[in-house]
Amino acid sequence: MAGKKGGLGMTGLDKMFGGRKPKGAPAARTAVEEKQAGEAVGEVTVKNLKPNPYQPRKTFDPEALRELEESIRQSGVIQPLIVRKKGRQYEIVAGERRWRAAKAAGLTKVPVVVRDYDEDAMMEVALVENMQRSDLDPMEEARGIQQLMETLGLTQEEAARKLGKSRAAVANALRLLKLPAEAAELVSAGKLSPGQVRPLLGLDTPEKINELARKAAEGGWSARIVEEVAKAEKAGKPWHLYLKTEEELLPPEKTPGKKERKAPSSQNGTKAQDPDTRAFQEKLIQYLGTRVKIEPSQKDQGGRILIEYYGPEDLERLYELLQGPVRSGNRKKTGLFTV
């Protein structure tokens, strides 16, 4: 899985500031709506704007920027940028993508709303604005959370409340910062998901983490396989024996069998999986980043799904994954199914 975590939704600012919006907290309003709301909408030359130093996003999707550039060529910048005065220039609080696309489209000026933010409020708004409008990659999100905590002196619990997340979700995000550079880059590039690399964090050396992360990305290993390989590596066992199939991993004491594996026993009232069920089971494994087994019933079309967890934090992480899309109030594609 190479998914990314979802944003905060349209109520993100309320959650972020605990019901306390900083003066003039940005909302997604057009220039006309800003004027109607009493906001002073002006224009600033693109050369007189500079990026937000607290911008958590370090990379911008070229294709998305080209699409935005074309839209701006046709219709202009409809939603003003939120800026603050900084010396003789203006610093972008929210809207860096629009600024970049406007420059590429050849605009010399863009509409802005000037607001009086201090450093803390500016950084908070930059983080939540990006989470609302377009997903950060997992490493960018982790660095953004860390920056928020360090600048404001927050604990994980306090940061979680501001971001509308659970403490476990914040803790899991921050764990990614322990990855060595090569493994972290694979996550940033979407070649590995957080669920795939977390089992590697328990390995002894950065070199071993990078090696197995590279093999996982090249081999398309599921989170389940990465977990088993990491366990074998830590135990000093030959982890390559785990790489037979996605459906059922070989235990380390057995070699690839000369005999065909038997179908699962029907003594517990379950039957063998069909290909569609196996495929969906693998999607669940990748999405949840843990062991999952679907056991179809012999008696009817139902069955049960067994999901493993490894402690209270892991259980809360799974809850967030399963509950998060529902709480957002919007149906969206999660990478596994539409909710």
C-alpha atoms as a PDB file:
ATOM      1  CA  MET A   1       0.000   0.000   0.000  1.00  0.00           C
ATOM      2  CA  ALA A   2       1.210   3.456  -0.707  1.00  0.00           C
ATOM      3  CA  GLY A   3      -1.448   5.455   0.681  1.00  0.00           C
ATOM      4  CA  LYS A   4      -1.515   8.684   2.326  1.00  0.00           C
ATOM      5  CA  LYS A   5      -3.511   9.839   5.367  1.00  0.00           C
ATOM      6  CA  GLY A   6      -6.558  12.054   4.887  1.00  0.00           C
ATOM      7  CA  GLY A   7      -6.952  15.709   5.773  1.00  0.00           C
ATOM      8  CA  LEU A   8      -8.966  17.366   8.505  1.00  0.00           C
ATOM      9  CA  GLY A   9     -12.057  18.145   6.467  1.00  0.00           C
ATOM     10  CA  MET A  10     -13.822  21.510   6.381  1.00  0.00           C
ATOM     11  CA  THR A  11     -13.988  21.679  10.167  1.00  0.00           C
ATOM     12  CA  GLY A  12     -10.237  21.369  10.450  1.00  0.00           C
ATOM     13  CA  LEU A  13      -9.612  24.926  11.640  1.00  0.00           C
ATOM     14  CA  ASP A  14     -12.144  24.580  14.426  1.00  0.00           C
ATOM     15  CA  LYS A  15     -10.455  21.365  15.549  1.00  0.00           C
ATOM     16  CA  MET A  16      -6.996  22.800  15.166  1.00  0.00           C
ATOM     17  CA  PHE A  17      -7.589  25.770  17.391  1.00  0.00           C
ATOM     18  CA  GLY A  18      -9.891  23.945  19.798  1.00  0.00           C
ATOM     19  CA  GLY A  19     -12.836  26.151  18.873  1.00  0.00           C
ATOM     20  CA  ARG A  20     -10.564  29.215  19.020  1.00  0.00           C
ATOM     21  CA  LYS A  21      -9.830  30.530  15.556  1.00  0.00           C
ATOM     22  CA  PRO A  22      -7.009  33.041  15.346  1.00  0.00           C
ATOM     23  CA  LYS A  23      -8.126  36.449  14.205  1.00  0.00           C
ATOM     24  CA  GLY A  24      -8.961  36.193  10.538  1.00  0.00           C
ATOM     25  CA  ALA A  25      -8.423  32.429  10.202  1.00  0.00           C
ATOM     26  CA  PRO A  26      -8.562  31.618   6.474  1.00  0.00           C
ATOM     27  CA  ALA A  27     -11.625  30.122   4.876  1.00  0.00           C
ATOM     28  CA  ALA A  28     -12.118  28.940   1.315  1.00  0.00           C
ATOM     29  CA  ARG A  29     -13.880  32.058  -0.008  1.00  0.00           C
ATOM     30  CA  THR A  30     -13.786  33.789  -3.375  1.00  0.00           C
ATOM     31  CA  ALA A  31     -12.782  37.430  -3.758  1.00  0.00           C
ATOM     32  CA  VAL A  32     -16.455  38.441  -3.980  1.00  0.00           C
ATOM     33  CA  GLU A  33     -17.272  36.517  -0.793  1.00  0.00           C
ATOM     34  CA  GLU A  34     -14.296  38.090   0.980  1.00  0.00           C
ATOM     35  CA  LYS A  35     -15.567  41.566   0.100  1.00  0.00           C
ATOM     36  CA  GLN A  36     -19.073  40.689   1.236  1.00  0.00           C
ATOM     37  CA  ALA A  37     -17.628  39.449   4.515  1.00  0.00           C
ATOM     38  CA  GLY A  38     -15.871  42.773   5.029  1.00  0.00           C
ATOM     39  CA  GLU A  39     -12.407  41.530   4.090  1.00  0.00           C
ATOM     40  CA  ALA A  40     -10.063  43.946   2.340  1.00  0.00           C
ATOM     41  CA  VAL A  41      -9.141  42.223  -0.930  1.00  0.00           C
ATOM     42  CA  GLY A  42      -6.253  43.820  -2.751  1.00  0.00           C
ATOM     43  CA  GLU A  43      -3.660  42.888  -5.323  1.00  0.00           C
ATOM     44  CA  VAL A  44       0.045  42.256  -4.869  1.00  0.00           C
ATOM     45  CA  THR A  45       2.656  41.641  -7.548  1.00  0.00           C
ATOM     46  CA  VAL A  46       3.797  38.032  -7.681  1.00  0.00           C
ATOM     47  CA  LYS A  47       7.411  39.222  -7.324  1.00  0.00           C
ATOM     48  CA  ASN A  48       6.540  40.856  -4.007  1.00  0.00           C
ATOM     49  CA  LEU A  49       5.358  37.563  -2.475  1.00  0.00           C
ATOM     50  CA  LYS A  50       7.522  34.922  -0.861  1.00  0.00           C
ATOM     51  CA  PRO A  51       6.660  31.399   0.308  1.00  0.00           C
ATOM     52  CA  ASN A  52       5.658  30.536   3.843  1.00  0.00           C
ATOM     53  CA  PRO A  53       8.756  29.304   5.726  1.00  0.00           C
ATOM     54  CA  TYR A  54       6.454  26.992   7.711  1.00  0.00           C
ATOM     55  CA  GLN A  55       5.009  25.366   4.602  1.00  0.00           C
ATOM     56  CA  PRO A  56       5.006  21.618   5.387  1.00  0.00           C
ATOM     57  CA  ARG A  57       4.721  20.664   1.719  1.00  0.00           C
ATOM     58  CA  LYS A  58       8.158  20.400   0.142  1.00  0.00           C
ATOM     59  CA  THR A  59       7.126  18.989  -3.234  1.00  0.00           C
ATOM     60  CA  PHE A  60       4.304  20.016  -5.565  1.00  0.00           C
ATOM     61  CA  ASP A  61       2.705  17.643  -8.059  1.00  0.00           C
ATOM     62  CA  PRO A  62       3.757  18.980 -11.498  1.00  0.00           C
ATOM     63  CA  GLU A  63       0.633  17.667 -13.209  1.00  0.00           C
ATOM     64  CA  ALA A  64      -1.677  19.238 -10.627  1.00  0.00           C
ATOM     65  CA  LEU A  65       0.205  22.539 -10.971  1.00  0.00           C
ATOM     66  CA  ARG A  66      -0.178  22.445 -14.758  1.00  0.00           C
ATOM     67  CA  GLU A  67      -3.913  21.878 -14.406  1.00  0.00           C
ATOM     68  CA  LEU A  68      -4.180  24.784 -11.961  1.00  0.00           C
ATOM     69  CA  GLU A  69      -2.074  26.948 -14.279  1.00  0.00           C
ATOM     70  CA  GLU A  70      -4.448  26.255 -17.165  1.00  0.00           C
ATOM     71  CA  SER A  71      -7.455  27.038 -14.973  1.00  0.00           C
ATOM     72  CA  ILE A  72      -5.865  30.348 -13.951  1.00  0.00           C
ATOM     73  CA  ARG A  73      -5.156  31.209 -17.591  1.00  0.00           C
ATOM     74  CA  GLN A  74      -8.856  30.743 -18.321  1.00  0.00           C
ATOM     75  CA  SER A  75     -10.462  32.234 -15.214  1.00  0.00           C
ATOM     76  CA  GLY A  76      -7.774  33.989 -13.208  1.00  0.00           C
ATOM     77  CA  VAL A  77      -7.134  33.451  -9.486  1.00  0.00           C
ATOM     78  CA  ILE A  78     -10.648  33.220  -8.055  1.00  0.00           C
ATOM     79  CA  GLN A  79      -9.755  32.558  -4.423  1.00  0.00           C
ATOM     80  CA  PRO A  80      -7.441  35.200  -2.901  1.00  0.00           C
ATOM     81  CA  LEU A  81      -4.204  34.188  -1.254  1.00  0.00           C
ATOM     82  CA  ILE A  82      -3.948  34.773   2.484  1.00  0.00           C
ATOM     83  CA  VAL A  83      -0.805  36.798   3.229  1.00  0.00           C
ATOM     84  CA  ARG A  84       0.838  38.775   5.974  1.00  0.00           C
ATOM     85  CA  LYS A  85       3.125  41.815   5.748  1.00  0.00           C
ATOM     86  CA  LYS A  86       6.784  40.977   6.259  1.00  0.00           C
ATOM     87  CA  GLY A  87       9.063  43.974   5.886  1.00  0.00           C
ATOM     88  CA  ARG A  88       8.669  45.312   2.374  1.00  0.00           C
ATOM     89  CA  GLN A  89       7.249  42.068   1.089  1.00  0.00           C
ATOM     90  CA  TYR A  90       4.332  39.768   1.827  1.00  0.00           C
ATOM     91  CA  GLU A  91       4.611  36.228   3.146  1.00  0.00           C
ATOM     92  CA  ILE A  92       2.126  33.654   1.879  1.00  0.00           C
ATOM     93  CA  VAL A  93       0.119  32.138   4.711  1.00  0.00           C
ATOM     94  CA  ALA A  94      -2.138  30.028   2.484  1.00  0.00           C
ATOM     95  CA  GLY A  95      -2.157  29.667  -1.286  1.00  0.00           C
ATOM     96  CA  GLU A  96       1.392  28.853  -2.400  1.00  0.00           C
ATOM     97  CA  ARG A  97       0.148  26.517  -5.152  1.00  0.00           C
ATOM     98  CA  ARG A  98      -2.011  29.308  -6.585  1.00  0.00           C
ATOM     99  CA  TRP A  99       0.976  31.671  -6.453  1.00  0.00           C
ATOM    100  CA  ARG A 100       3.238  29.201  -8.272  1.00  0.00           C
ATOM    101  CA  ALA A 101       0.595  28.460 -10.908  1.00  0.00           C
ATOM    102  CA  ALA A 102      -0.142  32.179 -11.380  1.00  0.00           C
ATOM    103  CA  LYS A 103       3.551  32.867 -12.008  1.00  0.00           C
ATOM    104  CA  ALA A 104       3.693  30.017 -14.518  1.00  0.00           C
ATOM    105  CA  ALA A 105       0.575  31.388 -16.249  1.00  0.00           C
ATOM    106  CA  GLY A 106       2.301  34.760 -16.673  1.00  0.00           C
ATOM    107  CA  LEU A 107       0.203  36.785 -14.206  1.00  0.00           C
ATOM    108  CA  THR A 108       1.950  39.791 -12.696  1.00  0.00           C
ATOM    109  CA  LYS A 109      -0.530  40.334  -9.832  1.00  0.00           C
ATOM    110  CA  VAL A 110      -2.751  38.117  -7.678  1.00  0.00           C
ATOM    111  CA  PRO A 111      -5.637  38.907  -5.308  1.00  0.00           C
ATOM    112  CA  VAL A 112      -4.747  38.752  -1.625  1.00  0.00           C
ATOM    113  CA  VAL A 113      -6.229  39.231   1.810  1.00  0.00           C
ATOM    114  CA  VAL A 114      -3.732  40.666   4.286  1.00  0.00           C
ATOM    115  CA  ARG A 115      -4.020  39.353   7.836  1.00  0.00           C
ATOM    116  CA  ASP A 116      -2.074  40.004  10.992  1.00  0.00           C
ATOM    117  CA  TYR A 117      -0.655  36.660  12.083  1.00  0.00           C
ATOM    118  CA  ASP A 118       2.139  36.064  14.551  1.00  0.00           C
ATOM    119  CA  GLU A 119       4.657  33.281  13.929  1.00  0.00           C
ATOM    120  CA  ASP A 120       2.739  30.631  15.886  1.00  0.00           C
ATOM    121  CA  ALA A 121      -0.598  31.291  14.207  1.00  0.00           C
ATOM    122  CA  MET A 122       1.030  31.422  10.785  1.00  0.00           C
ATOM    123  CA  MET A 123       2.601  28.019  11.220  1.00  0.00           C
ATOM    124  CA  GLU A 124      -0.615  26.469  12.548  1.00  0.00           C
ATOM    125  CA  VAL A 125      -2.640  27.834   9.646  1.00  0.00           C
ATOM    126  CA  ALA A 126      -0.051  26.653   7.099  1.00  0.00           C
ATOM    127  CA  LEU A 127      -0.237  23.105   8.423  1.00  0.00           C
ATOM    128  CA  VAL A 128      -4.018  22.843   8.672  1.00  0.00           C
ATOM    129  CA  GLU A 129      -4.583  24.599   5.331  1.00  0.00           C
ATOM    130  CA  ASN A 130      -2.472  22.026   3.555  1.00  0.00           C
ATOM    131  CA  MET A 131      -4.166  19.122   5.307  1.00  0.00           C
ATOM    132  CA  GLN A 132      -7.555  20.470   4.268  1.00  0.00           C
ATOM    133  CA  ARG A 133      -6.870  21.192   0.627  1.00  0.00           C
ATOM    134  CA  SER A 134      -4.438  18.545  -0.600  1.00  0.00           C
ATOM    135  CA  ASP A 135      -2.814  15.572   1.060  1.00  0.00           C
ATOM    136  CA  LEU A 136       0.719  15.846   2.299  1.00  0.00           C
ATOM    137  CA  ASP A 137       2.850  12.791   1.832  1.00  0.00           C
ATOM    138  CA  PRO A 138       3.418  10.871   5.099  1.00  0.00           C
ATOM    139  CA  MET A 139       6.926  12.254   5.649  1.00  0.00           C
ATOM    140  CA  GLU A 140       5.789  15.843   5.085  1.00  0.00           C
ATOM    141  CA  GLU A 141       2.940  15.330   7.535  1.00  0.00           C
ATOM    142  CA  ALA A 142       5.307  13.878  10.140  1.00  0.00           C
ATOM    143  CA  ARG A 143       7.744  16.782   9.775  1.00  0.00           C
ATOM    144  CA  GLY A 144       4.866  19.259   9.937  1.00  0.00           C
ATOM    145  CA  ILE A 145       3.566  17.745  13.183  1.00  0.00           C
ATOM    146  CA  GLN A 146       7.053  17.769  14.668  1.00  0.00           C
ATOM    147  CA  GLN A 147       7.502  21.412  13.673  1.00  0.00           C
ATOM    148  CA  LEU A 148       4.158  22.291  15.234  1.00  0.00           C
ATOM    149  CA  MET A 149       5.118  20.580  18.498  1.00  0.00           C
ATOM    150  CA  GLU A 150       8.581  22.130  18.673  1.00  0.00           C
ATOM    151  CA  THR A 151       7.463  25.667  17.831  1.00  0.00           C
ATOM    152  CA  LEU A 152       4.530  25.708  20.233  1.00  0.00           C
ATOM    153  CA  GLY A 153       6.049  23.412  22.875  1.00  0.00           C
ATOM    154  CA  LEU A 154       3.206  20.887  22.558  1.00  0.00           C
ATOM    155  CA  THR A 155       3.003  17.315  23.780  1.00  0.00           C
ATOM    156  CA  GLN A 156       1.752  14.611  21.420  1.00  0.00           C
ATOM    157  CA  GLU A 157      -1.626  14.721  23.163  1.00  0.00           C
ATOM    158  CA  GLU A 158      -1.910  18.497  22.704  1.00  0.00           C
ATOM    159  CA  ALA A 159      -0.837  18.308  19.062  1.00  0.00           C
ATOM    160  CA  ALA A 160      -3.387  15.553  18.465  1.00  0.00           C
ATOM    161  CA  ARG A 161      -6.183  17.738  19.873  1.00  0.00           C
ATOM    162  CA  LYS A 162      -5.200  20.676  17.652  1.00  0.00           C
ATOM    163  CA  LEU A 163      -5.131  18.468  14.574  1.00  0.00           C
ATOM    164  CA  GLY A 164      -8.315  16.550  15.371  1.00  0.00           C
ATOM    165  CA  LYS A 165      -6.383  13.268  15.474  1.00  0.00           C
ATOM    166  CA  SER A 166      -5.819  10.582  18.078  1.00  0.00           C
ATOM    167  CA  ARG A 167      -2.568  10.589  20.046  1.00  0.00           C
ATOM    168  CA  ALA A 168      -1.769   7.176  18.544  1.00  0.00           C
ATOM    169  CA  ALA A 169      -2.104   8.569  15.019  1.00  0.00           C
ATOM    170  CA  VAL A 170       0.272  11.416  15.895  1.00  0.00           C
ATOM    171  CA  ALA A 171       2.716   9.008  17.559  1.00  0.00           C
ATOM    172  CA  ASN A 172       2.671   6.688  14.530  1.00  0.00           C
ATOM    173  CA  ALA A 173       3.299   9.607  12.183  1.00  0.00           C
ATOM    174  CA  LEU A 174       6.247  10.818  14.255  1.00  0.00           C
ATOM    175  CA  ARG A 175       7.795   7.338  14.280  1.00  0.00           C
ATOM    176  CA  LEU A 176       8.418   7.726  10.554  1.00  0.00           C
ATOM    177  CA  LEU A 177      11.002  10.405  11.345  1.00  0.00           C
ATOM    178  CA  LYS A 178      13.249   7.624  12.680  1.00  0.00           C
ATOM    179  CA  LEU A 179      13.582   6.171   9.181  1.00  0.00           C
ATOM    180  CA  PRO A 180      16.968   6.569   7.479  1.00  0.00           C
ATOM    181  CA  ALA A 181      17.072   8.786   4.411  1.00  0.00           C
ATOM    182  CA  GLU A 182      16.650   6.168   1.677  1.00  0.00           C
ATOM    183  CA  ALA A 183      13.670   4.461   3.324  1.00  0.00           C
ATOM    184  CA  ALA A 184      12.078   7.853   4.068  1.00  0.00           C
ATOM    185  CA  GLU A 185      12.430   8.858   0.429  1.00  0.00           C
ATOM    186  CA  LEU A 186      10.633   5.680  -0.676  1.00  0.00           C
ATOM    187  CA  VAL A 187       7.724   6.679   1.575  1.00  0.00           C
ATOM    188  CA  SER A 188       7.725  10.273   0.277  1.00  0.00           C
ATOM    189  CA  ALA A 189       7.703   9.003  -3.302  1.00  0.00           C
ATOM    190  CA  GLY A 190       4.702   6.763  -2.594  1.00  0.00           C
ATOM    191  CA  LYS A 191       6.660   3.564  -3.279  1.00  0.00           C
ATOM    192  CA  LEU A 192       6.082   2.346   0.281  1.00  0.00           C
ATOM    193  CA  SER A 193       3.317   3.125   2.756  1.00  0.00           C
ATOM    194  CA  PRO A 194       3.775   3.914   6.461  1.00  0.00           C
ATOM    195  CA  GLY A 195       2.247   0.532   7.276  1.00  0.00           C
ATOM    196  CA  GLN A 196       4.880  -1.199   5.160  1.00  0.00           C
ATOM    197  CA  VAL A 197       7.918   0.498   6.689  1.00  0.00           C
ATOM    198  CA  ARG A 198       6.924   0.623  10.371  1.00  0.00           C
ATOM    199  CA  PRO A 199       7.943  -3.024  11.002  1.00  0.00           C
ATOM    200  CA  LEU A 200      11.441  -2.126   9.767  1.00  0.00           C
ATOM    201  CA  LEU A 201      11.962   0.463  12.500  1.00  0.00           C
ATOM    202  CA  GLY A 202      12.856  -2.273  14.961  1.00  0.00           C
ATOM    203  CA  LEU A 203      15.865  -3.431  12.933  1.00  0.00           C
ATOM    204  CA  ASP A 204      19.362  -2.839  14.253  1.00  0.00           C
ATOM    205  CA  THR A 205      20.985  -0.623  11.622  1.00  0.00           C
ATOM    206  CA  PRO A 206      19.974   2.060   9.102  1.00  0.00           C
ATOM    207  CA  GLU A 207      21.706  -0.005   6.413  1.00  0.00           C
ATOM    208  CA  LYS A 208      19.471  -3.007   7.076  1.00  0.00           C
ATOM    209  CA  ILE A 209      16.334  -0.826   7.145  1.00  0.00           C
ATOM    210  CA  ASN A 210      17.288   0.734   3.809  1.00  0.00           C
ATOM    211  CA  GLU A 211      18.120  -2.650   2.281  1.00  0.00           C
ATOM    212  CA  LEU A 212      14.798  -4.253   3.194  1.00  0.00           C
ATOM    213  CA  ALA A 213      12.833  -1.108   2.338  1.00  0.00           C
ATOM    214  CA  ARG A 214      14.429  -1.145  -1.098  1.00  0.00           C
ATOM    215  CA  LYS A 215      13.625  -4.842  -1.563  1.00  0.00           C
ATOM    216  CA  ALA A 216      10.051  -4.279  -0.379  1.00  0.00           C
ATOM    217  CA  ALA A 217       9.537  -1.479  -2.898  1.00  0.00           C
ATOM    218  CA  GLU A 218      11.143  -3.407  -5.749  1.00  0.00           C
ATOM    219  CA  GLY A 219       9.309  -6.629  -4.941  1.00  0.00           C
ATOM    220  CA  GLY A 220       5.927  -5.112  -4.167  1.00  0.00           C
ATOM    221  CA  TRP A 221       5.853  -6.744  -0.730  1.00  0.00           C
ATOM    222  CA  SER A 222       2.674  -6.330   1.265  1.00  0.00           C
ATOM    223  CA  ALA A 223       2.748  -4.971   4.809  1.00  0.00           C
ATOM    224  CA  ARG A 224       2.257  -8.519   6.033  1.00  0.00           C
ATOM    225  CA  ILE A 225       5.342  -9.791   4.208  1.00  0.00           C
ATOM    226  CA  VAL A 226       7.447  -6.865   5.457  1.00  0.00           C
ATOM    227  CA  GLU A 227       6.349  -7.645   8.999  1.00  0.00           C
ATOM    228  CA  GLU A 228       7.281 -11.325   8.692  1.00  0.00           C
ATOM    229  CA  VAL A 229      10.591 -10.532   7.022  1.00  0.00           C
ATOM    230  CA  ALA A 230      11.453  -8.037   9.773  1.00  0.00           C
ATOM    231  CA  LYS A 231      10.614 -10.594  12.462  1.00  0.00           C
ATOM    232  CA  ALA A 232      12.799 -13.195  10.769  1.00  0.00           C
ATOM    233  CA  GLU A 233      15.653 -10.728  10.351  1.00  0.00           C
ATOM    234  CA  LYS A 234      15.569  -9.787  14.040  1.00  0.00           C
ATOM    235  CA  ALA A 235      15.538 -13.472  14.990  1.00  0.00           C
ATOM    236  CA  GLY A 236      18.468 -14.243  12.683  1.00  0.00           C
ATOM    237  CA  LYS A 237      16.354 -16.536  10.485  1.00  0.00           C
ATOM    238  CA  PRO A 238      16.387 -16.812   6.663  1.00  0.00           C
ATOM    239  CA  TRP A 239      13.681 -14.310   5.794  1.00  0.00           C
ATOM    240  CA  HIS A 240      13.672 -15.186   2.066  1.00  0.00           C
ATOM    241  CA  LEU A 241      11.578 -18.252   2.945  1.00  0.00           C
ATOM    242  CA  TYR A 242       8.651 -15.911   3.616  1.00  0.00           C
ATOM    243  CA  LEU A 243       8.393 -14.792   0.028  1.00  0.00           C
ATOM    244  CA  LYS A 244       6.410 -17.636  -1.566  1.00  0.00           C
ATOM    245  CA  THR A 245       2.908 -16.177  -1.841  1.00  0.00           C
ATOM    246  CA  GLU A 246       0.839 -13.238  -0.738  1.00  0.00           C
ATOM    247  CA  GLU A 247      -2.041 -15.421   0.450  1.00  0.00           C
ATOM    248  CA  GLU A 248      -0.165 -17.564   2.929  1.00  0.00           C
ATOM    249  CA  LEU A 249       3.444 -17.004   4.042  1.00  0.00           C
ATOM    250  CA  LEU A 250       5.674 -19.974   4.697  1.00  0.00           C
ATOM    251  CA  PRO A 251       6.807 -20.428   8.298  1.00  0.00           C
ATOM    252  CA  PRO A 252      10.607 -20.099   8.636  1.00  0.00           C
ATOM    253  CA  GLU A 253      11.121 -23.764   9.535  1.00  0.00           C
ATOM    254  CA  LYS A 254       9.724 -24.899   6.170  1.00  0.00           C
ATOM    255  CA  THR A 255      11.143 -24.537   2.702  1.00  0.00           C
ATOM    256  CA  PRO A 256       9.053 -24.037  -0.457  1.00  0.00           C
ATOM    257  CA  GLY A 257       7.041 -27.267  -0.466  1.00  0.00           C
ATOM    258  CA  LYS A 258       7.338 -30.155  -2.839  1.00  0.00           C
ATOM    259  CA  LYS A 259       3.702 -30.937  -2.073  1.00  0.00           C
ATOM    260  CA  GLU A 260       0.827 -28.636  -2.872  1.00  0.00           C
ATOM    261  CA  ARG A 261      -0.585 -26.873   0.175  1.00  0.00           C
ATOM    262  CA  LYS A 262      -3.871 -28.264   1.392  1.00  0.00           C
ATOM    263  CA  ALA A 263      -6.972 -26.119   1.529  1.00  0.00           C
ATOM    264  CA  PRO A 264      -7.784 -24.721   4.966  1.00  0.00           C
ATOM    265  CA  SER A 265      -9.473 -27.202   7.289  1.00  0.00           C
ATOM    266  CA  SER A 266     -13.244 -27.118   7.303  1.00  0.00           C
ATOM    267  CA  GLN A 267     -13.465 -28.268  10.925  1.00  0.00           C
ATOM    268  CA  ASN A 268     -14.096 -24.710  12.083  1.00  0.00           C
ATOM    269  CA  GLY A 269     -16.916 -24.231   9.590  1.00  0.00           C
ATOM    270  CA  THR A 270     -14.884 -22.243   7.048  1.00  0.00           C
ATOM    271  CA  LYS A 271     -14.107 -23.052   3.437  1.00  0.00           C
ATOM    272  CA  ALA A 272     -11.254 -22.299   1.068  1.00  0.00           C
ATOM    273  CA  GLN A 273     -11.023 -18.776  -0.277  1.00  0.00           C
ATOM    274  CA  ASP A 274     -11.861 -18.059  -3.888  1.00  0.00           C
ATOM    275  CA  PRO A 275      -9.537 -15.750  -5.893  1.00  0.00           C
ATOM    276  CA  ASP A 276     -11.725 -12.681  -5.353  1.00  0.00           C
ATOM    277  CA  THR A 277     -11.746 -13.200  -1.590  1.00  0.00           C
ATOM    278  CA  ARG A 278      -7.958 -13.650  -1.539  1.00  0.00           C
ATOM    279  CA  ALA A 279      -7.503 -10.468  -3.569  1.00  0.00           C
ATOM    280  CA  PHE A 280      -9.713  -8.488  -1.203  1.00  0.00           C
ATOM    281  CA  GLN A 281      -7.924  -9.977   1.808  1.00  0.00           C
ATOM    282  CA  GLU A 282      -4.634  -8.693   0.396  1.00  0.00           C
ATOM    283  CA  LYS A 283      -6.139  -5.238  -0.088  1.00  0.00           C
ATOM    284  CA  LEU A 284      -7.179  -5.224   3.561  1.00  0.00           C
ATOM    285  CA  ILE A 285      -3.682  -6.310   4.627  1.00  0.00           C
ATOM    286  CA  GLN A 286      -2.119  -3.498   2.632  1.00  0.00           C
ATOM    287  CA  TYR A 287      -4.629  -0.886   3.762  1.00  0.00           C
ATOM    288  CA  LEU A 288      -4.505  -1.771   7.462  1.00  0.00           C
ATOM    289  CA  GLY A 289      -0.820  -2.632   7.628  1.00  0.00           C
ATOM    290  CA  THR A 290      -1.379  -5.756   9.719  1.00  0.00           C
ATOM    291  CA  ARG A 291      -2.350  -9.424   9.444  1.00  0.00           C
ATOM    292  CA  VAL A 292      -5.883  -9.960   8.144  1.00  0.00           C
ATOM    293  CA  LYS A 293      -7.641 -13.244   7.391  1.00  0.00           C
ATOM    294  CA  ILE A 294     -11.016 -13.615   5.726  1.00  0.00           C
ATOM    295  CA  GLU A 295     -12.739 -16.886   6.616  1.00  0.00           C
ATOM    296  CA  PRO A 296     -15.735 -17.604   4.337  1.00  0.00           C
ATOM    297  CA  SER A 297     -18.491 -19.640   5.941  1.00  0.00           C
ATOM    298  CA  GLN A 298     -19.390 -23.085   4.620  1.00  0.00           C
ATOM    299  CA  LYS A 299     -23.044 -22.591   5.485  1.00  0.00           C
ATOM    300  CA  ASP A 300     -23.862 -19.336   3.717  1.00  0.00           C
ATOM    301  CA  GLN A 301     -22.342 -16.384   1.852  1.00  0.00           C
ATOM    302  CA  GLY A 302     -21.118 -14.738   5.045  1.00  0.00           C
ATOM    303  CA  GLY A 303     -18.007 -15.332   7.084  1.00  0.00           C
ATOM    304  CA  ARG A 304     -15.726 -13.439   9.390  1.00  0.00           C
ATOM    305  CA  ILE A 305     -12.710 -11.151   9.122  1.00  0.00           C
ATOM    306  CA  LEU A 306      -9.885 -11.557  11.651  1.00  0.00           C
ATOM    307  CA  ILE A 307      -7.684  -8.479  12.145  1.00  0.00           C
ATOM    308  CA  GLU A 308      -4.589  -8.733  14.350  1.00  0.00           C
ATOM    309  CA  TYR A 309      -3.297  -5.901  16.516  1.00  0.00           C
ATOM    310  CA  TYR A 310      -0.249  -5.710  18.737  1.00  0.00           C
ATOM    311  CA  GLY A 311      -1.171  -3.373  21.568  1.00  0.00           C
ATOM    312  CA  PRO A 312      -3.474  -0.508  22.573  1.00  0.00           C
ATOM    313  CA  GLU A 313      -1.785   2.012  20.254  1.00  0.00           C
ATOM    314  CA  ASP A 314      -1.991  -0.335  17.296  1.00  0.00           C
ATOM    315  CA  LEU A 315      -5.665  -0.968  18.048  1.00  0.00           C
ATOM    316  CA  GLU A 316      -6.307   2.774  18.111  1.00  0.00           C
ATOM    317  CA  ARG A 317      -4.413   3.140  14.824  1.00  0.00           C
ATOM    318  CA  LEU A 318      -6.667   0.539  13.217  1.00  0.00           C
ATOM    319  CA  TYR A 319      -9.733   2.276  14.610  1.00  0.00           C
ATOM    320  CA  GLU A 320      -8.559   5.565  13.058  1.00  0.00           C
ATOM    321  CA  LEU A 321      -8.066   3.885   9.678  1.00  0.00           C
ATOM    322  CA  LEU A 322     -11.500   2.278   9.731  1.00  0.00           C
ATOM    323  CA  GLN A 323     -13.364   5.188  11.278  1.00  0.00           C
ATOM    324  CA  GLY A 324     -11.579   8.179   9.743  1.00  0.00           C
ATOM    325  CA  PRO A 325     -13.258   8.255   6.295  1.00  0.00           C
ATOM    326  CA  VAL A 326     -16.684   7.879   7.913  1.00  0.00           C
ATOM    327  CA  ARG A 327     -16.138  10.755  10.369  1.00  0.00           C
ATOM    328  CA  SER A 328     -15.135  13.129   7.568  1.00  0.00           C
ATOM    329  CA  GLY A 329     -18.754  13.157   6.414  1.00  0.00           C
ATOM    330  CA  ASN A 330     -17.731  12.862   2.768  1.00  0.00           C
ATOM    331  CA  ARG A 331     -17.693   9.802   0.548  1.00  0.00           C
ATOM    332  CA  LYS A 332     -14.223   9.423  -0.873  1.00  0.00           C
ATOM    333  CA  LYS A 333     -11.848   6.900  -2.368  1.00  0.00           C
ATOM    334  CA  THR A 334      -9.568   5.462   0.306  1.00  0.00           C
ATOM    335  CA  GLY A 335      -7.450   3.279  -1.946  1.00  0.00           C
ATOM    336  CA  LEU A 336      -9.326   0.158  -0.814  1.00  0.00           C
ATOM    337  CA  PHE A 337     -12.957   1.051  -1.338  1.00  0.00           C
ATOM    338  CA  THR A 338     -15.299   4.037  -1.478  1.00  0.00           C
ATOM    339  CA  VAL A 339     -16.919   5.058   1.798  1.00  0.00           C
END
